[in-house]
Amino acid sequence: MSIPQYSADAPARDVAAALGEAGCVVVTGVMDAELRQSIAGELAPHMANARYIEEDDPAHFYPGHTRRVTALVARSRSVTDRLVAHPLSQQICETHLLPNCEHGYQLHVSAALEVGPGARKQVLHREEDPFTFFPLPRPKIIVASMWAVSDFRADNGATLLVPGSHKWPADRKATPDEVRNAEMPAGSVLFWMGGTLHGAGANTSEDRRYGVILTYSLGWVRQEENQYLNVPPSRIAELSTETRHMLGFDMYAGLGFYDPTIA
């Protein structure tokens, strides 16, 4: 099975349907050069200070020769204002997550990832692996996205995916011929279901592969990234009502109640 690909003007319902069937989909032409440059510029000082893993340990989840920066809501206005609540992401989340969380979904993880030359391929995994309470194939818990700030090619570490694996039982293993590289030009976005096997590809080129990961989860599960500690109060006050809701700062039915008079 291949990775479906659409252009930015394709109907969102078609993209969402392809995602549900294949477990992954690429949409091209959703970020212009100005937005990509703004994101890279805002995150540049944080990327420069991020720990760069020189020596690779095959036992580590993150391969060597990579940089990873989280807390993007606190660090990049472009990511927060233009990508977190992007209309296409919302349509996809409403299609695949909202049936399991009638009171809303939330931002699960925000991170920028730079895969450098010499990085090995990452072990295949599922975004939903922390939720071991549910047997495979799990109900729809997470939708993930990778926004391509640079070109994603097979030789520079384009994300590896196993189309269809979001429907597999626990004893089904991927064979090498079932793994695909999500090649896409800068400005594209890759969506995948939380149950789809995936991982960063090996970078055998001289280029750095740069992407922004934004994942979304059901409003009643614990977020992987603790937004309440990663986003300072001064930044929360600047966010739109929609974004604050997306970050999980509102109650989910009776979950997460608080006294608004205490601040």
C-alpha atoms as a PDB file:
ATOM      1  CA  MET A   1       0.000   0.000   0.000  1.00  0.00           C
ATOM      2  CA  SER A   2       1.306   3.465  -0.893  1.00  0.00           C
ATOM      3  CA  ILE A   3       0.967   6.788   0.962  1.00  0.00           C
ATOM      4  CA  PRO A   4      -1.885   8.832  -0.586  1.00  0.00           C
ATOM      5  CA  GLN A   5      -0.973  12.365  -1.654  1.00  0.00           C
ATOM      6  CA  TYR A   6      -3.202  15.402  -2.233  1.00  0.00           C
ATOM      7  CA  SER A   7      -2.711  19.070  -3.033  1.00  0.00           C
ATOM      8  CA  ALA A   8      -3.762  21.835  -0.646  1.00  0.00           C
ATOM      9  CA  ASP A   9      -6.920  22.569  -2.644  1.00  0.00           C
ATOM     10  CA  ALA A  10      -8.278  19.029  -2.265  1.00  0.00           C
ATOM     11  CA  PRO A  11     -11.492  18.693  -0.226  1.00  0.00           C
ATOM     12  CA  ALA A  12     -10.654  18.074   3.442  1.00  0.00           C
ATOM     13  CA  ARG A  13     -13.184  15.225   3.552  1.00  0.00           C
ATOM     14  CA  ASP A  14     -11.196  13.383   0.851  1.00  0.00           C
ATOM     15  CA  VAL A  15      -7.955  13.824   2.791  1.00  0.00           C
ATOM     16  CA  ALA A  16      -9.615  12.617   6.002  1.00  0.00           C
ATOM     17  CA  ALA A  17     -11.093   9.602   4.236  1.00  0.00           C
ATOM     18  CA  ALA A  18      -7.720   8.629   2.757  1.00  0.00           C
ATOM     19  CA  LEU A  19      -6.121   8.974   6.189  1.00  0.00           C
ATOM     20  CA  GLY A  20      -8.708   6.657   7.698  1.00  0.00           C
ATOM     21  CA  GLU A  21      -8.113   4.034   5.028  1.00  0.00           C
ATOM     22  CA  ALA A  22      -4.305   4.123   4.655  1.00  0.00           C
ATOM     23  CA  GLY A  23      -3.428   5.422   8.125  1.00  0.00           C
ATOM     24  CA  CYS A  24      -1.290   8.184   6.575  1.00  0.00           C
ATOM     25  CA  VAL A  25      -1.598  10.900   3.938  1.00  0.00           C
ATOM     26  CA  VAL A  26       0.526  13.748   2.518  1.00  0.00           C
ATOM     27  CA  VAL A  27      -0.895  17.147   1.551  1.00  0.00           C
ATOM     28  CA  THR A  28       1.383  19.441  -0.476  1.00  0.00           C
ATOM     29  CA  GLY A  29       1.453  23.238  -0.704  1.00  0.00           C
ATOM     30  CA  VAL A  30      -0.002  24.113   2.704  1.00  0.00           C
ATOM     31  CA  MET A  31       2.880  26.324   3.978  1.00  0.00           C
ATOM     32  CA  ASP A  32       4.481  29.078   1.943  1.00  0.00           C
ATOM     33  CA  ALA A  33       8.169  30.004   2.128  1.00  0.00           C
ATOM     34  CA  GLU A  34       7.499  33.026   4.354  1.00  0.00           C
ATOM     35  CA  LEU A  35       5.788  30.911   7.015  1.00  0.00           C
ATOM     36  CA  ARG A  36       8.528  28.279   6.906  1.00  0.00           C
ATOM     37  CA  GLN A  37      11.178  30.974   7.311  1.00  0.00           C
ATOM     38  CA  SER A  38       9.294  32.522  10.239  1.00  0.00           C
ATOM     39  CA  ILE A  39       9.079  29.173  12.009  1.00  0.00           C
ATOM     40  CA  ALA A  40      12.754  28.406  11.441  1.00  0.00           C
ATOM     41  CA  GLY A  41      13.769  31.912  12.563  1.00  0.00           C
ATOM     42  CA  GLU A  42      11.682  31.850  15.753  1.00  0.00           C
ATOM     43  CA  LEU A  43      13.004  28.426  16.709  1.00  0.00           C
ATOM     44  CA  ALA A  44      16.627  29.036  15.630  1.00  0.00           C
ATOM     45  CA  PRO A  45      17.955  30.115  19.066  1.00  0.00           C
ATOM     46  CA  HIS A  46      16.214  27.184  20.736  1.00  0.00           C
ATOM     47  CA  MET A  47      17.513  24.743  18.153  1.00  0.00           C
ATOM     48  CA  ALA A  48      21.016  26.148  18.603  1.00  0.00           C
ATOM     49  CA  ASN A  49      20.821  25.499  22.336  1.00  0.00           C
ATOM     50  CA  ALA A  50      19.203  22.083  22.033  1.00  0.00           C
ATOM     51  CA  ARG A  51      21.241  19.055  22.964  1.00  0.00           C
ATOM     52  CA  TYR A  52      22.793  17.559  19.853  1.00  0.00           C
ATOM     53  CA  ILE A  53      23.311  13.829  20.183  1.00  0.00           C
ATOM     54  CA  GLU A  54      26.746  13.177  18.695  1.00  0.00           C
ATOM     55  CA  GLU A  55      27.326   9.544  19.650  1.00  0.00           C
ATOM     56  CA  ASP A  56      24.494   7.225  18.706  1.00  0.00           C
ATOM     57  CA  ASP A  57      23.285   4.534  21.088  1.00  0.00           C
ATOM     58  CA  PRO A  58      21.132   2.009  19.192  1.00  0.00           C
ATOM     59  CA  ALA A  59      19.257   1.351  22.418  1.00  0.00           C
ATOM     60  CA  HIS A  60      18.030   4.959  22.622  1.00  0.00           C
ATOM     61  CA  PHE A  61      14.626   5.852  21.197  1.00  0.00           C
ATOM     62  CA  TYR A  62      15.959   9.008  19.487  1.00  0.00           C
ATOM     63  CA  PRO A  63      18.825   8.367  17.034  1.00  0.00           C
ATOM     64  CA  GLY A  64      22.077  10.285  17.239  1.00  0.00           C
ATOM     65  CA  HIS A  65      22.774  13.341  15.057  1.00  0.00           C
ATOM     66  CA  THR A  66      19.390  14.864  15.849  1.00  0.00           C
ATOM     67  CA  ARG A  67      18.043  17.942  17.632  1.00  0.00           C
ATOM     68  CA  ARG A  68      14.617  18.148  19.231  1.00  0.00           C
ATOM     69  CA  VAL A  69      12.868  21.194  20.698  1.00  0.00           C
ATOM     70  CA  THR A  70       9.486  21.035  22.452  1.00  0.00           C
ATOM     71  CA  ALA A  71       7.125  23.619  24.031  1.00  0.00           C
ATOM     72  CA  LEU A  72       6.522  25.249  20.656  1.00  0.00           C
ATOM     73  CA  VAL A  73       3.509  27.229  21.870  1.00  0.00           C
ATOM     74  CA  ALA A  74       5.847  29.142  24.166  1.00  0.00           C
ATOM     75  CA  ARG A  75       8.579  29.420  21.542  1.00  0.00           C
ATOM     76  CA  SER A  76       7.015  30.084  18.151  1.00  0.00           C
ATOM     77  CA  ARG A  77       4.113  32.421  17.456  1.00  0.00           C
ATOM     78  CA  SER A  78       4.004  31.200  13.865  1.00  0.00           C
ATOM     79  CA  VAL A  79       3.460  27.596  14.934  1.00  0.00           C
ATOM     80  CA  THR A  80       0.882  28.658  17.531  1.00  0.00           C
ATOM     81  CA  ASP A  81      -1.062  31.090  15.364  1.00  0.00           C
ATOM     82  CA  ARG A  82      -0.812  29.336  11.991  1.00  0.00           C
ATOM     83  CA  LEU A  83      -0.422  25.614  12.552  1.00  0.00           C
ATOM     84  CA  VAL A  84      -1.839  24.453  15.910  1.00  0.00           C
ATOM     85  CA  ALA A  85      -5.461  25.138  14.918  1.00  0.00           C
ATOM     86  CA  HIS A  86      -4.994  24.858  11.154  1.00  0.00           C
ATOM     87  CA  PRO A  87      -8.385  24.293   9.448  1.00  0.00           C
ATOM     88  CA  LEU A  88      -7.215  21.065   7.784  1.00  0.00           C
ATOM     89  CA  SER A  89      -5.945  19.654  11.079  1.00  0.00           C
ATOM     90  CA  GLN A  90      -9.218  20.570  12.745  1.00  0.00           C
ATOM     91  CA  GLN A  91     -11.256  18.893  10.016  1.00  0.00           C
ATOM     92  CA  ILE A  92      -9.192  15.727  10.307  1.00  0.00           C
ATOM     93  CA  CYS A  93      -9.438  15.706  14.109  1.00  0.00           C
ATOM     94  CA  GLU A  94     -13.173  16.304  13.942  1.00  0.00           C
ATOM     95  CA  THR A  95     -13.510  13.355  11.575  1.00  0.00           C
ATOM     96  CA  HIS A  96     -11.327  10.871  13.432  1.00  0.00           C
ATOM     97  CA  LEU A  97     -11.206  12.003  17.080  1.00  0.00           C
ATOM     98  CA  LEU A  98     -14.441  13.829  17.822  1.00  0.00           C
ATOM     99  CA  PRO A  99     -16.589  10.667  17.671  1.00  0.00           C
ATOM    100  CA  ASN A 100     -14.608   9.404  20.694  1.00  0.00           C
ATOM    101  CA  CYS A 101     -14.505  12.727  22.588  1.00  0.00           C
ATOM    102  CA  GLU A 102     -17.727  14.649  22.211  1.00  0.00           C
ATOM    103  CA  HIS A 103     -16.404  17.553  24.319  1.00  0.00           C
ATOM    104  CA  GLY A 104     -13.307  18.133  22.185  1.00  0.00           C
ATOM    105  CA  TYR A 105      -9.744  17.086  21.404  1.00  0.00           C
ATOM    106  CA  GLN A 106      -6.453  18.674  22.482  1.00  0.00           C
ATOM    107  CA  LEU A 107      -2.864  19.304  21.447  1.00  0.00           C
ATOM    108  CA  HIS A 108      -0.907  16.249  22.546  1.00  0.00           C
ATOM    109  CA  VAL A 109       2.703  17.005  21.508  1.00  0.00           C
ATOM    110  CA  SER A 110       4.484  19.952  19.890  1.00  0.00           C
ATOM    111  CA  ALA A 111       8.097  19.559  18.780  1.00  0.00           C
ATOM    112  CA  ALA A 112      10.559  20.628  16.116  1.00  0.00           C
ATOM    113  CA  LEU A 113      12.886  17.889  14.928  1.00  0.00           C
ATOM    114  CA  GLU A 114      16.082  18.230  12.933  1.00  0.00           C
ATOM    115  CA  VAL A 115      17.546  14.979  11.597  1.00  0.00           C
ATOM    116  CA  GLY A 116      21.187  15.472  10.676  1.00  0.00           C
ATOM    117  CA  PRO A 117      23.535  13.612   8.341  1.00  0.00           C
ATOM    118  CA  GLY A 118      24.469  10.185   9.685  1.00  0.00           C
ATOM    119  CA  ALA A 119      21.313   9.672  11.748  1.00  0.00           C
ATOM    120  CA  ARG A 120      20.130   6.062  11.759  1.00  0.00           C
ATOM    121  CA  LYS A 121      16.527   5.134  11.146  1.00  0.00           C
ATOM    122  CA  GLN A 122      14.304   5.130  14.207  1.00  0.00           C
ATOM    123  CA  VAL A 123      12.593   2.015  15.472  1.00  0.00           C
ATOM    124  CA  LEU A 124       9.027   1.740  14.193  1.00  0.00           C
ATOM    125  CA  HIS A 125       6.479   2.654  16.843  1.00  0.00           C
ATOM    126  CA  ARG A 126       2.952   3.963  17.337  1.00  0.00           C
ATOM    127  CA  GLU A 127       1.956   7.318  18.832  1.00  0.00           C
ATOM    128  CA  GLU A 128      -0.614   5.456  20.917  1.00  0.00           C
ATOM    129  CA  ASP A 129       1.898   3.029  22.474  1.00  0.00           C
ATOM    130  CA  PRO A 130       1.729   4.716  25.928  1.00  0.00           C
ATOM    131  CA  PHE A 131      -1.966   3.795  26.140  1.00  0.00           C
ATOM    132  CA  THR A 132      -1.382   0.103  26.814  1.00  0.00           C
ATOM    133  CA  PHE A 133      -4.771  -0.211  28.526  1.00  0.00           C
ATOM    134  CA  PHE A 134      -6.320  -0.607  25.070  1.00  0.00           C
ATOM    135  CA  PRO A 135      -5.459  -3.738  23.041  1.00  0.00           C
ATOM    136  CA  LEU A 136      -4.388  -3.467  19.387  1.00  0.00           C
ATOM    137  CA  PRO A 137      -5.908  -2.297  17.168  1.00  0.00           C
ATOM    138  CA  ARG A 138      -6.812   0.514  19.550  1.00  0.00           C
ATOM    139  CA  PRO A 139      -9.750   2.895  19.230  1.00  0.00           C
ATOM    140  CA  LYS A 140      -8.831   6.216  17.648  1.00  0.00           C
ATOM    141  CA  ILE A 141      -6.924   8.126  20.348  1.00  0.00           C
ATOM    142  CA  ILE A 142      -4.368  10.254  18.475  1.00  0.00           C
ATOM    143  CA  VAL A 143      -3.936  11.982  15.114  1.00  0.00           C
ATOM    144  CA  ALA A 144      -0.393  13.125  14.296  1.00  0.00           C
ATOM    145  CA  SER A 145       1.038  15.609  11.811  1.00  0.00           C
ATOM    146  CA  MET A 146       4.514  16.484  10.535  1.00  0.00           C
ATOM    147  CA  TRP A 147       4.916  19.864   8.832  1.00  0.00           C
ATOM    148  CA  ALA A 148       7.807  19.932   6.368  1.00  0.00           C
ATOM    149  CA  VAL A 149       9.965  23.014   6.932  1.00  0.00           C
ATOM    150  CA  SER A 150      12.540  21.489   4.562  1.00  0.00           C
ATOM    151  CA  ASP A 151      12.220  18.906   1.798  1.00  0.00           C
ATOM    152  CA  PHE A 152      11.640  15.361   3.036  1.00  0.00           C
ATOM    153  CA  ARG A 153      13.493  12.843   0.873  1.00  0.00           C
ATOM    154  CA  ALA A 154      14.266   9.160   1.276  1.00  0.00           C
ATOM    155  CA  ASP A 155      17.981   9.957   1.570  1.00  0.00           C
ATOM    156  CA  ASN A 156      17.661  12.736   4.202  1.00  0.00           C
ATOM    157  CA  GLY A 157      15.459  10.885   6.662  1.00  0.00           C
ATOM    158  CA  ALA A 158      11.888  11.277   5.412  1.00  0.00           C
ATOM    159  CA  THR A 159       9.471   9.723   7.889  1.00  0.00           C
ATOM    160  CA  LEU A 160       9.018   5.971   7.553  1.00  0.00           C
ATOM    161  CA  LEU A 161       5.447   4.659   7.708  1.00  0.00           C
ATOM    162  CA  VAL A 162       3.647   1.369   7.302  1.00  0.00           C
ATOM    163  CA  PRO A 163       0.355   2.162   5.542  1.00  0.00           C
ATOM    164  CA  GLY A 164      -2.544   0.140   6.882  1.00  0.00           C
ATOM    165  CA  SER A 165      -0.815  -0.827  10.126  1.00  0.00           C
ATOM    166  CA  HIS A 166      -3.304   1.187  12.211  1.00  0.00           C
ATOM    167  CA  LYS A 167      -5.723  -1.689  11.646  1.00  0.00           C
ATOM    168  CA  TRP A 168      -3.340  -4.520  12.533  1.00  0.00           C
ATOM    169  CA  PRO A 169      -3.588  -6.848  15.546  1.00  0.00           C
ATOM    170  CA  ALA A 170      -0.700  -7.040  18.034  1.00  0.00           C
ATOM    171  CA  ASP A 171       0.894 -10.113  16.415  1.00  0.00           C
ATOM    172  CA  ARG A 172       1.146  -8.555  12.944  1.00  0.00           C
ATOM    173  CA  LYS A 173       4.699  -7.424  12.173  1.00  0.00           C
ATOM    174  CA  ALA A 174       5.827  -5.161   9.343  1.00  0.00           C
ATOM    175  CA  THR A 175       8.043  -6.608   6.631  1.00  0.00           C
ATOM    176  CA  PRO A 176      10.663  -4.403   4.898  1.00  0.00           C
ATOM    177  CA  ASP A 177       8.626  -4.216   1.692  1.00  0.00           C
ATOM    178  CA  GLU A 178       5.674  -2.715   3.606  1.00  0.00           C
ATOM    179  CA  VAL A 179       7.632   0.314   4.882  1.00  0.00           C
ATOM    180  CA  ARG A 180       7.356   3.537   2.892  1.00  0.00           C
ATOM    181  CA  ASN A 181       9.194   6.884   3.030  1.00  0.00           C
ATOM    182  CA  ALA A 182       6.877   9.904   3.236  1.00  0.00           C
ATOM    183  CA  GLU A 183       8.724  11.976   0.652  1.00  0.00           C
ATOM    184  CA  MET A 184       7.290  15.484   0.299  1.00  0.00           C
ATOM    185  CA  PRO A 185       8.489  18.956  -0.682  1.00  0.00           C
ATOM    186  CA  ALA A 186       8.946  21.724   1.865  1.00  0.00           C
ATOM    187  CA  GLY A 187       5.595  23.279   2.697  1.00  0.00           C
ATOM    188  CA  SER A 188       3.769  19.943   2.839  1.00  0.00           C
ATOM    189  CA  VAL A 189       2.167  18.232   5.820  1.00  0.00           C
ATOM    190  CA  LEU A 190       2.022  14.536   6.619  1.00  0.00           C
ATOM    191  CA  PHE A 191      -0.847  13.201   8.733  1.00  0.00           C
ATOM    192  CA  TRP A 192      -0.897   9.751  10.282  1.00  0.00           C
ATOM    193  CA  MET A 193      -3.157   7.904  12.665  1.00  0.00           C
ATOM    194  CA  GLY A 194      -1.893   7.219  16.179  1.00  0.00           C
ATOM    195  CA  GLY A 195      -2.008   3.492  15.501  1.00  0.00           C
ATOM    196  CA  THR A 196       0.169   3.656  12.372  1.00  0.00           C
ATOM    197  CA  LEU A 197       3.688   2.278  12.655  1.00  0.00           C
ATOM    198  CA  HIS A 198       6.222   4.990  11.844  1.00  0.00           C
ATOM    199  CA  GLY A 199       9.668   6.372  12.659  1.00  0.00           C
ATOM    200  CA  ALA A 200      12.264   8.831  11.397  1.00  0.00           C
ATOM    201  CA  GLY A 201      14.194   7.597   8.378  1.00  0.00           C
ATOM    202  CA  ALA A 202      17.971   7.291   8.120  1.00  0.00           C
ATOM    203  CA  ASN A 203      19.774  10.396   6.842  1.00  0.00           C
ATOM    204  CA  THR A 204      22.432   9.293   4.374  1.00  0.00           C
ATOM    205  CA  SER A 205      22.687  12.730   2.741  1.00  0.00           C
ATOM    206  CA  GLU A 206      24.586  15.895   3.644  1.00  0.00           C
ATOM    207  CA  ASP A 207      21.373  17.833   4.346  1.00  0.00           C
ATOM    208  CA  ARG A 208      19.407  18.354   7.545  1.00  0.00           C
ATOM    209  CA  ARG A 209      15.750  17.302   7.500  1.00  0.00           C
ATOM    210  CA  TYR A 210      13.623  19.737   9.497  1.00  0.00           C
ATOM    211  CA  GLY A 211       9.996  19.263  10.490  1.00  0.00           C
ATOM    212  CA  VAL A 212       7.454  20.371  13.079  1.00  0.00           C
ATOM    213  CA  ILE A 213       5.419  17.676  14.817  1.00  0.00           C
ATOM    214  CA  LEU A 214       1.954  18.484  16.147  1.00  0.00           C
ATOM    215  CA  THR A 215      -0.173  15.647  17.485  1.00  0.00           C
ATOM    216  CA  TYR A 216      -3.713  15.723  18.851  1.00  0.00           C
ATOM    217  CA  SER A 217      -5.467  13.443  21.319  1.00  0.00           C
ATOM    218  CA  LEU A 218      -8.895  12.810  22.804  1.00  0.00           C
ATOM    219  CA  GLY A 219      -9.791  15.444  25.383  1.00  0.00           C
ATOM    220  CA  TRP A 220     -10.142  12.888  28.177  1.00  0.00           C
ATOM    221  CA  VAL A 221      -6.647  11.355  28.010  1.00  0.00           C
ATOM    222  CA  ARG A 222      -3.441  12.619  29.619  1.00  0.00           C
ATOM    223  CA  GLN A 223      -1.402  14.681  27.152  1.00  0.00           C
ATOM    224  CA  GLU A 224       2.108  13.429  26.399  1.00  0.00           C
ATOM    225  CA  GLU A 225       3.447  16.994  26.544  1.00  0.00           C
ATOM    226  CA  ASN A 226       2.512  18.843  29.737  1.00  0.00           C
ATOM    227  CA  GLN A 227       1.172  22.064  28.243  1.00  0.00           C
ATOM    228  CA  TYR A 228       0.298  23.440  31.695  1.00  0.00           C
ATOM    229  CA  LEU A 229       3.996  23.595  32.602  1.00  0.00           C
ATOM    230  CA  ASN A 230       5.398  24.316  29.144  1.00  0.00           C
ATOM    231  CA  VAL A 231       3.267  27.398  28.478  1.00  0.00           C
ATOM    232  CA  PRO A 232       3.965  30.281  30.908  1.00  0.00           C
ATOM    233  CA  PRO A 233       0.995  32.260  32.309  1.00  0.00           C
ATOM    234  CA  SER A 234       2.006  35.387  30.387  1.00  0.00           C
ATOM    235  CA  ARG A 235       1.793  33.462  27.109  1.00  0.00           C
ATOM    236  CA  ILE A 236      -1.532  31.845  28.033  1.00  0.00           C
ATOM    237  CA  ALA A 237      -3.052  35.301  28.470  1.00  0.00           C
ATOM    238  CA  GLU A 238      -2.121  36.150  24.871  1.00  0.00           C
ATOM    239  CA  LEU A 239      -3.676  33.066  23.305  1.00  0.00           C
ATOM    240  CA  SER A 240      -7.033  32.994  21.568  1.00  0.00           C
ATOM    241  CA  THR A 241      -9.945  31.194  23.167  1.00  0.00           C
ATOM    242  CA  GLU A 242      -9.711  28.538  20.444  1.00  0.00           C
ATOM    243  CA  THR A 243      -6.007  27.918  21.082  1.00  0.00           C
ATOM    244  CA  ARG A 244      -6.423  27.761  24.866  1.00  0.00           C
ATOM    245  CA  HIS A 245      -9.141  25.185  24.357  1.00  0.00           C
ATOM    246  CA  MET A 246      -6.887  23.243  21.972  1.00  0.00           C
ATOM    247  CA  LEU A 247      -4.143  23.184  24.600  1.00  0.00           C
ATOM    248  CA  GLY A 248      -6.478  21.667  27.190  1.00  0.00           C
ATOM    249  CA  PHE A 249      -6.880  24.679  29.485  1.00  0.00           C
ATOM    250  CA  ASP A 250     -10.667  24.280  29.539  1.00  0.00           C
ATOM    251  CA  MET A 251     -12.593  21.619  31.415  1.00  0.00           C
ATOM    252  CA  TYR A 252     -13.562  18.434  29.584  1.00  0.00           C
ATOM    253  CA  ALA A 253     -17.083  17.886  30.960  1.00  0.00           C
ATOM    254  CA  GLY A 254     -16.226  17.478  34.670  1.00  0.00           C
ATOM    255  CA  LEU A 255     -12.542  16.698  34.120  1.00  0.00           C
ATOM    256  CA  GLY A 256      -9.920  19.311  34.959  1.00  0.00           C
ATOM    257  CA  PHE A 257     -12.181  21.669  36.907  1.00  0.00           C
ATOM    258  CA  TYR A 258     -10.593  24.634  38.664  1.00  0.00           C
ATOM    259  CA  ASP A 259     -11.548  27.810  40.512  1.00  0.00           C
ATOM    260  CA  PRO A 260     -11.051  30.751  38.091  1.00  0.00           C
ATOM    261  CA  THR A 261     -10.890  33.196  41.030  1.00  0.00           C
ATOM    262  CA  ILE A 262      -7.491  31.735  41.981  1.00  0.00           C
ATOM    263  CA  ALA A 263      -4.760  33.076  39.741  1.00  0.00           C
END
